Amino acid sequence: MNKPRILLFIPAYNCEKQIVRVLGSLDSGVMKYIDEVIVINNRSTDGTEDAVREYMRTHTYMPVRLFRNKDNYGLGGSHKVAFDYAMHEGFDYIIVLHGDDQGNIHDFLPVLKKEIYRGYDCVLGARFMLQSHLEGYSLFRTVGNIVYNFLYAIGTRMRIFDLGSGLNMYDVNILKDKFYLKFPDNLMFNCTMLLAASYYHMNMRFYPVSWRETDQVSNVKMASQSVKTLRLLFDYMDMPTRIRGEYRDIPRTKYEYEEAD
């Protein structure tokens, strides 16, 4: 069996302190499985891009490329840029690792070593399985997430352990018809991908990961996000075919980016 080509995609937005730690975690044990790393800067207003450039300057042996969205597309939009790149460049799998250093790529080493991803359309990092480990995460938020996981499990008729962590892996083959193109460009993208997994009968697996909150700056407004998350689920339960409709505030024909030099 041929070795699959695996792309590591790191979405980055205003995380100049954390992105260096994330890149620093890509040691030889990880990189033996990764063919290329792309950092997609979603129009950061801090020194994120400079921090990545400095890392690339001092680690020229690392296969890292830095891209910049031509507009602020949001987290979902950055996913769409990365998915398109993975397909265009002929990768077999894409791993998503958020640039804010909350997740740990080493948690997925067993997935890579044992090739657990084979046979699955996606392997999703789960913060709320028994084997998971949370650091700096309040009991209130933990319980809230578990309740929402339960509600989504009812709505999708699947076992759900996380609505969207920052460490996931997808088989590029499932992305080729671009079913996700009209999904939200914001933080709701991952929740919509879960609903799509139910609608399109994808073979999905959750895998326990660790998660920490230290010096990260959250972009989540908890109250409004909670309401949107429930509305998304209830709309799907009322009319599953809604998943094929338009979710974006600003529909786009394409998501343009450039290489940052």
Foldseek 3Di string as FASTA:
>chain_A
DDQFAEEEEEEDAQQLPQLLVQVVLCDPLNCVNYDAYEYEYQPHPDCNVVSVVVVCVVCVVHRYFYKYWPHRLAQQLSVVVVLVVCVVVPGFKYKFAYSNNFFHPVLCSVCRVVVVVPPFQKEAEAQADPPAAEAPDDPVVNVVQVVLQVVLCVLLVHRGRGQHDRIMMGGSVVPVVPLLLQPESYPCSSNLVSLVCSVVVGGYHYGYTYGYDDPGDDPDPPPVVVVVSVVVSVVCSVPVVCSSDHDYPDRDPDTDMGTDD
